[in-house]
Amino acid sequence: MKNPSAANHGKGAGRQVSFPLNDKRPPSYTDWMKHRVDSPHGKQIYSHRMSVVEPVFGNIGTNKRLNRFS
């Protein structure tokens, strides 16, 4: 655990858990997507998503009180 005392201060930071990755395993689809999102082009696309898509879900959840999706 990194900084386990952070969970005691009540500001919502909580605990941080780290999982060391084994370098000998083949890359998974999650690793592939992390690489794509962390690239400069991926950061540009994801920042655009944050301004276009996410406000729609915020509006649905806050104004229409639809906070569960199936």
PDB file of N, CA and C in Angstrom:
ATOM      1  N   MET A   1       0.827  -1.181   0.000  1.00  0.00           N
ATOM      2  CA  MET A   1       0.000   0.000   0.000  1.00  0.00           C
ATOM      3  C   MET A   1       0.871   1.245   0.000  1.00  0.00           C
ATOM      4  N   LYS A   2       0.468   2.183  -0.780  1.00  0.00           N
ATOM      5  CA  LYS A   2       1.130   3.479  -0.765  1.00  0.00           C
ATOM      6  C   LYS A   2       0.298   4.410   0.102  1.00  0.00           C
ATOM      7  N   ASN A   3       0.905   4.983   1.109  1.00  0.00           N
ATOM      8  CA  ASN A   3       0.278   5.980   1.966  1.00  0.00           C
ATOM      9  C   ASN A   3      -1.049   5.496   2.567  1.00  0.00           C
ATOM     10  N   PRO A   4      -1.041   4.442   3.383  1.00  0.00           N
ATOM     11  CA  PRO A   4      -2.309   3.956   3.952  1.00  0.00           C
ATOM     12  C   PRO A   4      -2.960   4.931   4.919  1.00  0.00           C
ATOM     13  N   SER A   5      -2.212   5.900   5.441  1.00  0.00           N
ATOM     14  CA  SER A   5      -2.821   6.869   6.351  1.00  0.00           C
ATOM     15  C   SER A   5      -3.714   7.868   5.619  1.00  0.00           C
ATOM     16  N   ALA A   6      -3.680   7.890   4.287  1.00  0.00           N
ATOM     17  CA  ALA A   6      -4.514   8.815   3.518  1.00  0.00           C
ATOM     18  C   ALA A   6      -5.996   8.488   3.665  1.00  0.00           C
ATOM     19  N   ALA A   7      -6.325   7.261   4.038  1.00  0.00           N
ATOM     20  CA  ALA A   7      -7.733   6.887   4.181  1.00  0.00           C
ATOM     21  C   ALA A   7      -8.335   7.444   5.462  1.00  0.00           C
ATOM     22  N   ASN A   8      -7.534   7.936   6.375  1.00  0.00           N
ATOM     23  CA  ASN A   8      -8.034   8.377   7.672  1.00  0.00           C
ATOM     24  C   ASN A   8      -8.388   9.853   7.751  1.00  0.00           C
ATOM     25  N   HIS A   9      -8.078  10.645   6.723  1.00  0.00           N
ATOM     26  CA  HIS A   9      -8.261  12.089   6.868  1.00  0.00           C
ATOM     27  C   HIS A   9      -9.641  12.574   6.429  1.00  0.00           C
ATOM     28  N   GLY A  10     -10.457  11.759   5.801  1.00  0.00           N
ATOM     29  CA  GLY A  10     -11.823  12.136   5.477  1.00  0.00           C
ATOM     30  C   GLY A  10     -11.990  13.044   4.284  1.00  0.00           C
ATOM     31  N   LYS A  11     -10.957  13.271   3.501  1.00  0.00           N
ATOM     32  CA  LYS A  11     -11.083  14.137   2.329  1.00  0.00           C
ATOM     33  C   LYS A  11     -11.352  13.348   1.061  1.00  0.00           C
ATOM     34  N   GLY A  12     -11.522  12.048   1.172  1.00  0.00           N
ATOM     35  CA  GLY A  12     -11.897  11.245   0.022  1.00  0.00           C
ATOM     36  C   GLY A  12     -10.754  10.730  -0.815  1.00  0.00           C
ATOM     37  N   ALA A  13      -9.512  10.925  -0.410  1.00  0.00           N
ATOM     38  CA  ALA A  13      -8.402  10.442  -1.221  1.00  0.00           C
ATOM     39  C   ALA A  13      -8.302   8.928  -1.180  1.00  0.00           C
ATOM     40  N   GLY A  14      -8.609   8.334  -0.046  1.00  0.00           N
ATOM     41  CA  GLY A  14      -8.617   6.885   0.066  1.00  0.00           C
ATOM     42  C   GLY A  14      -7.236   6.273  -0.025  1.00  0.00           C
ATOM     43  N   ARG A  15      -7.214   4.988  -0.225  1.00  0.00           N
ATOM     44  CA  ARG A  15      -5.954   4.262  -0.305  1.00  0.00           C
ATOM     45  C   ARG A  15      -5.588   4.029  -1.755  1.00  0.00           C
ATOM     46  N   GLN A  16      -4.310   3.895  -1.970  1.00  0.00           N
ATOM     47  CA  GLN A  16      -3.817   3.579  -3.309  1.00  0.00           C
ATOM     48  C   GLN A  16      -3.153   2.216  -3.247  1.00  0.00           C
ATOM     49  N   VAL A  17      -3.550   1.345  -4.138  1.00  0.00           N
ATOM     50  CA  VAL A  17      -2.988   0.008  -4.193  1.00  0.00           C
ATOM     51  C   VAL A  17      -2.238  -0.119  -5.514  1.00  0.00           C
ATOM     52  N   SER A  18      -1.040  -0.652  -5.453  1.00  0.00           N
ATOM     53  CA  SER A  18      -0.278  -0.839  -6.687  1.00  0.00           C
ATOM     54  C   SER A  18      -0.108  -2.332  -6.943  1.00  0.00           C
ATOM     55  N   PHE A  19      -0.216  -2.714  -8.201  1.00  0.00           N
ATOM     56  CA  PHE A  19      -0.036  -4.087  -8.633  1.00  0.00           C
ATOM     57  C   PHE A  19       1.133  -4.127  -9.609  1.00  0.00           C
ATOM     58  N   PRO A  20       2.223  -4.755  -9.234  1.00  0.00           N
ATOM     59  CA  PRO A  20       3.343  -4.855 -10.176  1.00  0.00           C
ATOM     60  C   PRO A  20       2.968  -5.792 -11.322  1.00  0.00           C
ATOM     61  N   LEU A  21       3.248  -5.364 -12.535  1.00  0.00           N
ATOM     62  CA  LEU A  21       2.934  -6.167 -13.706  1.00  0.00           C
ATOM     63  C   LEU A  21       4.105  -7.066 -14.046  1.00  0.00           C
ATOM     64  N   ASN A  22       3.798  -8.234 -14.477  1.00  0.00           N
ATOM     65  CA  ASN A  22       4.816  -9.187 -14.881  1.00  0.00           C
ATOM     66  C   ASN A  22       5.201  -8.887 -16.331  1.00  0.00           C
ATOM     67  N   ASP A  23       6.468  -8.577 -16.570  1.00  0.00           N
ATOM     68  CA  ASP A  23       6.908  -8.231 -17.923  1.00  0.00           C
ATOM     69  C   ASP A  23       6.975  -9.436 -18.855  1.00  0.00           C
ATOM     70  N   LYS A  24       6.882 -10.641 -18.306  1.00  0.00           N
ATOM     71  CA  LYS A  24       7.022 -11.835 -19.131  1.00  0.00           C
ATOM     72  C   LYS A  24       5.715 -12.279 -19.761  1.00  0.00           C
ATOM     73  N   ARG A  25       4.608 -11.683 -19.371  1.00  0.00           N
ATOM     74  CA  ARG A  25       3.334 -12.084 -19.966  1.00  0.00           C
ATOM     75  C   ARG A  25       3.116 -11.325 -21.270  1.00  0.00           C
ATOM     76  N   PRO A  26       2.361 -11.903 -22.180  1.00  0.00           N
ATOM     77  CA  PRO A  26       2.075 -11.183 -23.432  1.00  0.00           C
ATOM     78  C   PRO A  26       1.139 -10.007 -23.165  1.00  0.00           C
ATOM     79  N   PRO A  27       1.195  -8.958 -23.975  1.00  0.00           N
ATOM     80  CA  PRO A  27       0.314  -7.806 -23.754  1.00  0.00           C
ATOM     81  C   PRO A  27      -1.152  -8.191 -23.958  1.00  0.00           C
ATOM     82  N   SER A  28      -2.016  -7.653 -23.113  1.00  0.00           N
ATOM     83  CA  SER A  28      -3.454  -7.921 -23.219  1.00  0.00           C
ATOM     84  C   SER A  28      -4.124  -6.778 -23.979  1.00  0.00           C
ATOM     85  N   TYR A  29      -5.414  -6.933 -24.194  1.00  0.00           N
ATOM     86  CA  TYR A  29      -6.165  -5.864 -24.867  1.00  0.00           C
ATOM     87  C   TYR A  29      -6.196  -4.599 -24.000  1.00  0.00           C
ATOM     88  N   THR A  30      -6.190  -4.772 -22.681  1.00  0.00           N
ATOM     89  CA  THR A  30      -6.155  -3.618 -21.784  1.00  0.00           C
ATOM     90  C   THR A  30      -4.847  -2.859 -21.938  1.00  0.00           C
ATOM     91  N   ASP A  31      -3.733  -3.585 -22.030  1.00  0.00           N
ATOM     92  CA  ASP A  31      -2.438  -2.937 -22.247  1.00  0.00           C
ATOM     93  C   ASP A  31      -2.426  -2.189 -23.578  1.00  0.00           C
ATOM     94  N   TRP A  32      -3.017  -2.789 -24.586  1.00  0.00           N
ATOM     95  CA  TRP A  32      -3.072  -2.169 -25.916  1.00  0.00           C
ATOM     96  C   TRP A  32      -3.862  -0.862 -25.867  1.00  0.00           C
ATOM     97  N   MET A  33      -5.007  -0.867 -25.160  1.00  0.00           N
ATOM     98  CA  MET A  33      -5.809   0.349 -25.078  1.00  0.00           C
ATOM     99  C   MET A  33      -5.130   1.414 -24.223  1.00  0.00           C
ATOM    100  N   LYS A  34      -4.435   1.017 -23.151  1.00  0.00           N
ATOM    101  CA  LYS A  34      -3.696   1.994 -22.349  1.00  0.00           C
ATOM    102  C   LYS A  34      -2.646   2.679 -23.197  1.00  0.00           C
ATOM    103  N   HIS A  35      -1.974   1.910 -24.043  1.00  0.00           N
ATOM    104  CA  HIS A  35      -0.960   2.485 -24.928  1.00  0.00           C
ATOM    105  C   HIS A  35      -1.590   3.458 -25.921  1.00  0.00           C
ATOM    106  N   ARG A  36      -2.747   3.095 -26.465  1.00  0.00           N
ATOM    107  CA  ARG A  36      -3.413   3.973 -27.434  1.00  0.00           C
ATOM    108  C   ARG A  36      -3.913   5.258 -26.782  1.00  0.00           C
ATOM    109  N   VAL A  37      -4.501   5.151 -25.593  1.00  0.00           N
ATOM    110  CA  VAL A  37      -5.053   6.336 -24.928  1.00  0.00           C
ATOM    111  C   VAL A  37      -3.935   7.254 -24.441  1.00  0.00           C
ATOM    112  N   ASP A  38      -2.807   6.688 -24.028  1.00  0.00           N
ATOM    113  CA  ASP A  38      -1.704   7.495 -23.518  1.00  0.00           C
ATOM    114  C   ASP A  38      -0.860   8.137 -24.608  1.00  0.00           C
ATOM    115  N   SER A  39      -1.095   7.773 -25.868  1.00  0.00           N
ATOM    116  CA  SER A  39      -0.337   8.393 -26.957  1.00  0.00           C
ATOM    117  C   SER A  39      -0.818   9.831 -27.161  1.00  0.00           C
ATOM    118  N   PRO A  40      -0.033  10.681 -27.808  1.00  0.00           N
ATOM    119  CA  PRO A  40      -0.478  12.069 -28.043  1.00  0.00           C
ATOM    120  C   PRO A  40      -1.795  12.151 -28.819  1.00  0.00           C
ATOM    121  N   HIS A  41      -1.951  11.292 -29.830  1.00  0.00           N
ATOM    122  CA  HIS A  41      -3.193  11.305 -30.612  1.00  0.00           C
ATOM    123  C   HIS A  41      -4.367  10.828 -29.753  1.00  0.00           C
ATOM    124  N   GLY A  42      -4.136   9.819 -28.905  1.00  0.00           N
ATOM    125  CA  GLY A  42      -5.178   9.313 -28.016  1.00  0.00           C
ATOM    126  C   GLY A  42      -5.610  10.355 -26.998  1.00  0.00           C
ATOM    127  N   LYS A  43      -4.658  11.131 -26.471  1.00  0.00           N
ATOM    128  CA  LYS A  43      -4.996  12.190 -25.525  1.00  0.00           C
ATOM    129  C   LYS A  43      -5.851  13.261 -26.188  1.00  0.00           C
ATOM    130  N   GLN A  44      -5.558  13.557 -27.441  1.00  0.00           N
ATOM    131  CA  GLN A  44      -6.342  14.551 -28.176  1.00  0.00           C
ATOM    132  C   GLN A  44      -7.774  14.056 -28.385  1.00  0.00           C
ATOM    133  N   ILE A  45      -7.916  12.797 -28.772  1.00  0.00           N
ATOM    134  CA  ILE A  45      -9.247  12.233 -28.998  1.00  0.00           C
ATOM    135  C   ILE A  45     -10.030  12.160 -27.688  1.00  0.00           C
ATOM    136  N   TYR A  46      -9.378  11.709 -26.603  1.00  0.00           N
ATOM    137  CA  TYR A  46     -10.081  11.553 -25.336  1.00  0.00           C
ATOM    138  C   TYR A  46     -10.482  12.905 -24.757  1.00  0.00           C
ATOM    139  N   SER A  47      -9.669  13.943 -24.947  1.00  0.00           N
ATOM    140  CA  SER A  47     -10.055  15.263 -24.452  1.00  0.00           C
ATOM    141  C   SER A  47     -11.278  15.775 -25.212  1.00  0.00           C
ATOM    142  N   HIS A  48     -11.391  15.430 -26.486  1.00  0.00           N
ATOM    143  CA  HIS A  48     -12.568  15.809 -27.266  1.00  0.00           C
ATOM    144  C   HIS A  48     -13.802  15.065 -26.749  1.00  0.00           C
ATOM    145  N   ARG A  49     -13.628  13.789 -26.396  1.00  0.00           N
ATOM    146  CA  ARG A  49     -14.730  13.000 -25.843  1.00  0.00           C
ATOM    147  C   ARG A  49     -15.253  13.622 -24.559  1.00  0.00           C
ATOM    148  N   MET A  50     -14.332  14.110 -23.715  1.00  0.00           N
ATOM    149  CA  MET A  50     -14.741  14.685 -22.441  1.00  0.00           C
ATOM    150  C   MET A  50     -15.619  15.919 -22.644  1.00  0.00           C
ATOM    151  N   SER A  51     -15.435  16.619 -23.735  1.00  0.00           N
ATOM    152  CA  SER A  51     -16.234  17.821 -23.958  1.00  0.00           C
ATOM    153  C   SER A  51     -17.499  17.557 -24.769  1.00  0.00           C
ATOM    154  N   VAL A  52     -17.595  16.390 -25.422  1.00  0.00           N
ATOM    155  CA  VAL A  52     -18.748  16.108 -26.274  1.00  0.00           C
ATOM    156  C   VAL A  52     -19.682  15.075 -25.642  1.00  0.00           C
ATOM    157  N   VAL A  53     -19.143  13.959 -25.182  1.00  0.00           N
ATOM    158  CA  VAL A  53     -19.967  12.842 -24.740  1.00  0.00           C
ATOM    159  C   VAL A  53     -20.328  12.920 -23.267  1.00  0.00           C
ATOM    160  N   GLU A  54     -19.378  13.216 -22.418  1.00  0.00           N
ATOM    161  CA  GLU A  54     -19.610  13.144 -20.982  1.00  0.00           C
ATOM    162  C   GLU A  54     -20.686  14.116 -20.481  1.00  0.00           C
ATOM    163  N   PRO A  55     -20.813  15.336 -20.997  1.00  0.00           N
ATOM    164  CA  PRO A  55     -21.898  16.209 -20.512  1.00  0.00           C
ATOM    165  C   PRO A  55     -23.286  15.627 -20.756  1.00  0.00           C
ATOM    166  N   VAL A  56     -23.435  14.809 -21.802  1.00  0.00           N
ATOM    167  CA  VAL A  56     -24.735  14.191 -22.073  1.00  0.00           C
ATOM    168  C   VAL A  56     -25.111  13.252 -20.929  1.00  0.00           C
ATOM    169  N   PHE A  57     -24.160  12.417 -20.503  1.00  0.00           N
ATOM    170  CA  PHE A  57     -24.446  11.498 -19.407  1.00  0.00           C
ATOM    171  C   PHE A  57     -24.620  12.253 -18.086  1.00  0.00           C
ATOM    172  N   GLY A  58     -23.911  13.335 -17.913  1.00  0.00           N
ATOM    173  CA  GLY A  58     -24.094  14.156 -16.719  1.00  0.00           C
ATOM    174  C   GLY A  58     -25.486  14.765 -16.672  1.00  0.00           C
ATOM    175  N   ASN A  59     -25.980  15.223 -17.814  1.00  0.00           N
ATOM    176  CA  ASN A  59     -27.319  15.793 -17.901  1.00  0.00           C
ATOM    177  C   ASN A  59     -28.373  14.736 -17.607  1.00  0.00           C
ATOM    178  N   ILE A  60     -28.211  13.552 -18.181  1.00  0.00           N
ATOM    179  CA  ILE A  60     -29.189  12.482 -17.948  1.00  0.00           C
ATOM    180  C   ILE A  60     -29.226  12.102 -16.475  1.00  0.00           C
ATOM    181  N   GLY A  61     -28.049  11.970 -15.866  1.00  0.00           N
ATOM    182  CA  GLY A  61     -28.013  11.545 -14.469  1.00  0.00           C
ATOM    183  C   GLY A  61     -28.493  12.607 -13.507  1.00  0.00           C
ATOM    184  N   THR A  62     -28.144  13.860 -13.761  1.00  0.00           N
ATOM    185  CA  THR A  62     -28.484  14.928 -12.815  1.00  0.00           C
ATOM    186  C   THR A  62     -29.894  15.457 -13.015  1.00  0.00           C
ATOM    187  N   ASN A  63     -30.239  15.828 -14.210  1.00  0.00           N
ATOM    188  CA  ASN A  63     -31.521  16.484 -14.449  1.00  0.00           C
ATOM    189  C   ASN A  63     -32.682  15.508 -14.560  1.00  0.00           C
ATOM    190  N   LYS A  64     -32.454  14.349 -15.150  1.00  0.00           N
ATOM    191  CA  LYS A  64     -33.535  13.393 -15.352  1.00  0.00           C
ATOM    192  C   LYS A  64     -33.534  12.274 -14.304  1.00  0.00           C
ATOM    193  N   ARG A  65     -32.524  12.295 -13.424  1.00  0.00           N
ATOM    194  CA  ARG A  65     -32.388  11.328 -12.339  1.00  0.00           C
ATOM    195  C   ARG A  65     -32.352   9.879 -12.842  1.00  0.00           C
ATOM    196  N   LEU A  66     -31.783   9.682 -14.013  1.00  0.00           N
ATOM    197  CA  LEU A  66     -31.593   8.335 -14.545  1.00  0.00           C
ATOM    198  C   LEU A  66     -30.136   7.973 -14.304  1.00  0.00           C
ATOM    199  N   ASN A  67     -29.852   7.343 -13.191  1.00  0.00           N
ATOM    200  CA  ASN A  67     -28.466   7.047 -12.858  1.00  0.00           C
ATOM    201  C   ASN A  67     -28.132   5.567 -12.975  1.00  0.00           C
ATOM    202  N   ARG A  68     -29.037   4.770 -13.534  1.00  0.00           N
ATOM    203  CA  ARG A  68     -28.772   3.352 -13.764  1.00  0.00           C
ATOM    204  C   ARG A  68     -29.009   3.029 -15.216  1.00  0.00           C
ATOM    205  N   PHE A  69     -28.058   2.364 -15.812  1.00  0.00           N
ATOM    206  CA  PHE A  69     -28.174   1.966 -17.209  1.00  0.00           C
ATOM    207  C   PHE A  69     -28.060   0.460 -17.286  1.00  0.00           C
ATOM    208  N   SER A  70     -28.760  -0.140 -18.221  1.00  0.00           N
ATOM    209  CA  SER A  70     -28.644  -1.588 -18.386  1.00  0.00           C
ATOM    210  C   SER A  70     -28.038  -1.900 -19.741  1.00  0.00           C
TER     211      SER A  70
END
